[in-house]
N, C-alpha and C. Protein backbone atom coordinates (compact mmCIF):
# COMPACT_ATOMS: atom_id res chain seq x y z
N MET A 1 0.81 -1.18 -0.02
CA MET A 1 -0.01 -0.01 0.02
C MET A 1 0.89 1.24 -0.02
N GLU A 2 0.43 2.29 -0.65
CA GLU A 2 1.23 3.45 -0.73
C GLU A 2 1.26 4.31 0.55
N ILE A 3 2.23 5.02 0.79
CA ILE A 3 2.43 5.76 2.06
C ILE A 3 1.33 6.76 2.28
N ARG A 4 0.88 7.44 1.26
CA ARG A 4 -0.17 8.41 1.44
C ARG A 4 -1.43 7.77 2.07
N THR A 5 -1.86 6.66 1.53
CA THR A 5 -3.03 6.02 2.02
C THR A 5 -2.87 5.59 3.49
N GLU A 6 -1.72 5.09 3.87
CA GLU A 6 -1.47 4.73 5.22
C GLU A 6 -1.44 5.94 6.14
N LEU A 7 -0.91 7.03 5.70
CA LEU A 7 -0.80 8.25 6.48
C LEU A 7 -2.25 8.78 6.64
N GLU A 8 -3.08 8.75 5.65
CA GLU A 8 -4.44 9.24 5.72
C GLU A 8 -5.22 8.47 6.79
N LYS A 9 -5.03 7.18 6.81
CA LYS A 9 -5.69 6.37 7.88
C LYS A 9 -5.24 6.77 9.28
N ILE A 10 -3.91 6.93 9.47
CA ILE A 10 -3.37 7.39 10.72
C ILE A 10 -3.93 8.74 11.12
N ILE A 11 -3.94 9.66 10.18
CA ILE A 11 -4.41 11.03 10.47
C ILE A 11 -5.87 11.04 10.82
N ARG A 12 -6.68 10.26 10.12
CA ARG A 12 -8.06 10.22 10.51
C ARG A 12 -8.22 9.74 11.96
N TYR A 13 -7.50 8.72 12.33
CA TYR A 13 -7.52 8.22 13.70
C TYR A 13 -7.11 9.29 14.72
N LEU A 14 -5.97 9.90 14.36
CA LEU A 14 -5.47 11.00 15.30
C LEU A 14 -6.43 12.16 15.45
N LEU A 15 -7.09 12.52 14.39
CA LEU A 15 -8.12 13.58 14.45
C LEU A 15 -9.26 13.18 15.31
N SER A 16 -9.67 11.95 15.23
CA SER A 16 -10.73 11.42 16.02
C SER A 16 -10.42 11.36 17.52
N CYS A 17 -9.10 11.39 17.79
CA CYS A 17 -8.58 11.33 19.23
C CYS A 17 -8.27 12.78 19.70
N GLY A 18 -8.48 13.77 18.86
CA GLY A 18 -8.29 15.14 19.28
C GLY A 18 -6.77 15.68 19.18
N VAL A 19 -5.99 14.93 18.46
CA VAL A 19 -4.60 15.32 18.33
C VAL A 19 -4.50 16.51 17.37
N THR A 20 -3.74 17.58 17.76
CA THR A 20 -3.62 18.70 16.94
C THR A 20 -2.44 18.55 15.91
N LEU A 21 -2.46 19.39 14.88
CA LEU A 21 -1.40 19.32 13.90
C LEU A 21 -0.01 19.62 14.51
N ARG A 22 0.00 20.56 15.50
CA ARG A 22 1.28 20.86 16.16
C ARG A 22 1.78 19.64 16.93
N GLU A 23 0.91 18.98 17.69
CA GLU A 23 1.30 17.74 18.42
C GLU A 23 1.83 16.71 17.42
N PHE A 24 1.07 16.53 16.38
CA PHE A 24 1.53 15.47 15.38
C PHE A 24 2.86 15.84 14.80
N GLU A 25 3.11 17.09 14.40
CA GLU A 25 4.36 17.55 13.78
C GLU A 25 5.48 17.27 14.77
N GLU A 26 5.29 17.69 16.03
CA GLU A 26 6.35 17.51 17.05
C GLU A 26 6.69 15.99 17.25
N GLU A 27 5.70 15.19 17.31
CA GLU A 27 5.91 13.76 17.55
C GLU A 27 6.66 13.09 16.33
N ILE A 28 6.27 13.51 15.17
CA ILE A 28 6.95 13.03 13.93
C ILE A 28 8.38 13.49 13.91
N GLU A 29 8.60 14.72 14.31
CA GLU A 29 9.96 15.30 14.27
C GLU A 29 10.83 14.55 15.30
N LYS A 30 10.31 14.28 16.54
CA LYS A 30 11.03 13.56 17.54
C LYS A 30 11.36 12.17 17.02
N ILE A 31 10.41 11.43 16.43
CA ILE A 31 10.64 10.14 15.94
C ILE A 31 11.73 10.08 14.89
N PHE A 32 11.63 11.04 13.90
CA PHE A 32 12.63 11.14 12.78
C PHE A 32 14.03 11.30 13.35
N ILE A 33 14.14 12.24 14.35
CA ILE A 33 15.48 12.57 14.90
C ILE A 33 15.99 11.34 15.64
N THR A 34 15.19 10.79 16.44
CA THR A 34 15.63 9.60 17.28
C THR A 34 16.02 8.44 16.40
N GLU A 35 15.29 8.12 15.40
CA GLU A 35 15.53 7.02 14.46
C GLU A 35 16.81 7.29 13.65
N ALA A 36 16.96 8.55 13.19
CA ALA A 36 18.07 8.88 12.35
C ALA A 36 19.34 8.76 13.22
N LEU A 37 19.30 9.19 14.48
CA LEU A 37 20.49 9.07 15.35
C LEU A 37 20.78 7.62 15.61
N LYS A 38 19.79 6.80 15.80
CA LYS A 38 20.02 5.35 16.00
C LYS A 38 20.69 4.73 14.76
N LYS A 39 20.11 5.04 13.59
CA LYS A 39 20.63 4.49 12.35
C LYS A 39 22.10 4.90 12.16
N ASN A 40 22.49 6.08 12.57
CA ASN A 40 23.79 6.59 12.35
C ASN A 40 24.72 6.54 13.56
N GLY A 41 24.38 5.70 14.50
CA GLY A 41 25.26 5.48 15.61
C GLY A 41 25.51 6.72 16.50
N GLY A 42 24.51 7.62 16.51
CA GLY A 42 24.65 8.85 17.31
C GLY A 42 25.38 9.96 16.65
N LYS A 43 25.80 9.74 15.39
CA LYS A 43 26.59 10.83 14.67
C LYS A 43 25.61 11.87 14.18
N ILE A 44 25.71 13.01 14.75
CA ILE A 44 24.71 14.10 14.46
C ILE A 44 24.86 14.52 13.01
N LYS A 45 26.05 14.68 12.46
CA LYS A 45 26.24 15.11 11.06
C LYS A 45 25.54 14.17 10.14
N ASP A 46 25.77 12.87 10.32
CA ASP A 46 25.17 11.88 9.38
C ASP A 46 23.65 11.80 9.52
N ALA A 47 23.22 11.89 10.80
CA ALA A 47 21.77 11.86 11.04
C ALA A 47 21.03 13.05 10.40
N ALA A 48 21.67 14.23 10.58
CA ALA A 48 21.17 15.45 9.91
C ALA A 48 21.04 15.28 8.45
N GLN A 49 22.08 14.79 7.86
CA GLN A 49 22.03 14.61 6.38
C GLN A 49 20.95 13.66 6.03
N ASP A 50 20.72 12.58 6.70
CA ASP A 50 19.71 11.62 6.43
C ASP A 50 18.23 12.26 6.40
N ILE A 51 18.03 13.21 7.35
CA ILE A 51 16.74 13.81 7.42
C ILE A 51 16.59 15.18 6.77
N GLY A 52 17.68 15.62 6.14
CA GLY A 52 17.66 16.84 5.37
C GLY A 52 17.76 18.15 6.23
N LEU A 53 18.49 18.02 7.31
CA LEU A 53 18.67 19.24 8.16
C LEU A 53 20.16 19.55 8.20
N HIS A 54 20.49 20.81 8.52
CA HIS A 54 21.82 21.20 8.79
C HIS A 54 22.17 20.65 10.21
N ARG A 55 23.47 20.35 10.43
CA ARG A 55 23.90 19.80 11.71
C ARG A 55 23.43 20.66 12.88
N ASN A 56 23.64 21.98 12.72
CA ASN A 56 23.28 22.91 13.86
C ASN A 56 21.77 22.89 14.09
N THR A 57 20.99 22.82 13.03
CA THR A 57 19.54 22.72 13.22
C THR A 57 19.14 21.49 13.97
N LEU A 58 19.69 20.39 13.58
CA LEU A 58 19.44 19.13 14.29
C LEU A 58 19.81 19.26 15.79
N THR A 59 20.96 19.80 16.06
CA THR A 59 21.39 19.97 17.45
C THR A 59 20.39 20.83 18.24
N GLU A 60 19.93 21.87 17.62
CA GLU A 60 18.91 22.72 18.35
C GLU A 60 17.61 21.98 18.57
N LYS A 61 17.18 21.13 17.60
CA LYS A 61 15.96 20.43 17.78
C LYS A 61 16.12 19.31 18.91
N MET A 62 17.37 18.74 18.92
CA MET A 62 17.61 17.77 19.96
C MET A 62 17.52 18.42 21.35
N LYS A 63 18.01 19.67 21.47
CA LYS A 63 17.91 20.39 22.73
C LYS A 63 16.46 20.63 23.04
N LYS A 64 15.74 21.10 22.04
CA LYS A 64 14.30 21.42 22.19
C LYS A 64 13.47 20.25 22.74
N TYR A 65 13.78 19.08 22.18
CA TYR A 65 13.02 17.92 22.54
C TYR A 65 13.70 17.02 23.64
N ARG A 66 14.85 17.54 24.06
CA ARG A 66 15.67 16.77 25.05
C ARG A 66 16.00 15.35 24.59
N ILE A 67 16.50 15.30 23.34
CA ILE A 67 16.94 14.01 22.72
C ILE A 67 18.42 13.89 22.93
N LYS A 68 18.85 12.76 23.45
CA LYS A 68 20.26 12.55 23.56
C LYS A 68 20.79 11.56 22.51
N ARG A 69 22.01 11.70 22.20
CA ARG A 69 22.61 10.72 21.28
C ARG A 69 22.70 9.38 21.95
N LYS A 70 22.49 8.35 21.08
CA LYS A 70 22.51 7.02 21.68
C LYS A 70 23.55 6.15 21.02
């Protein structure tokens, strides 16, 4: 199944639960950052490249969400 169809199902569910767009965006961002860091052995530069951010931007987002390198 294509990703858009799956995302639409998830979004319909989240809307029915009262999740806001801001909450959804923040959770997705946290997950992307955490998973990219795991994939890259905690290397911020490589993780940032994987998710299309500058290293400094990723570092700031990690501070914002209190995400530590693993």
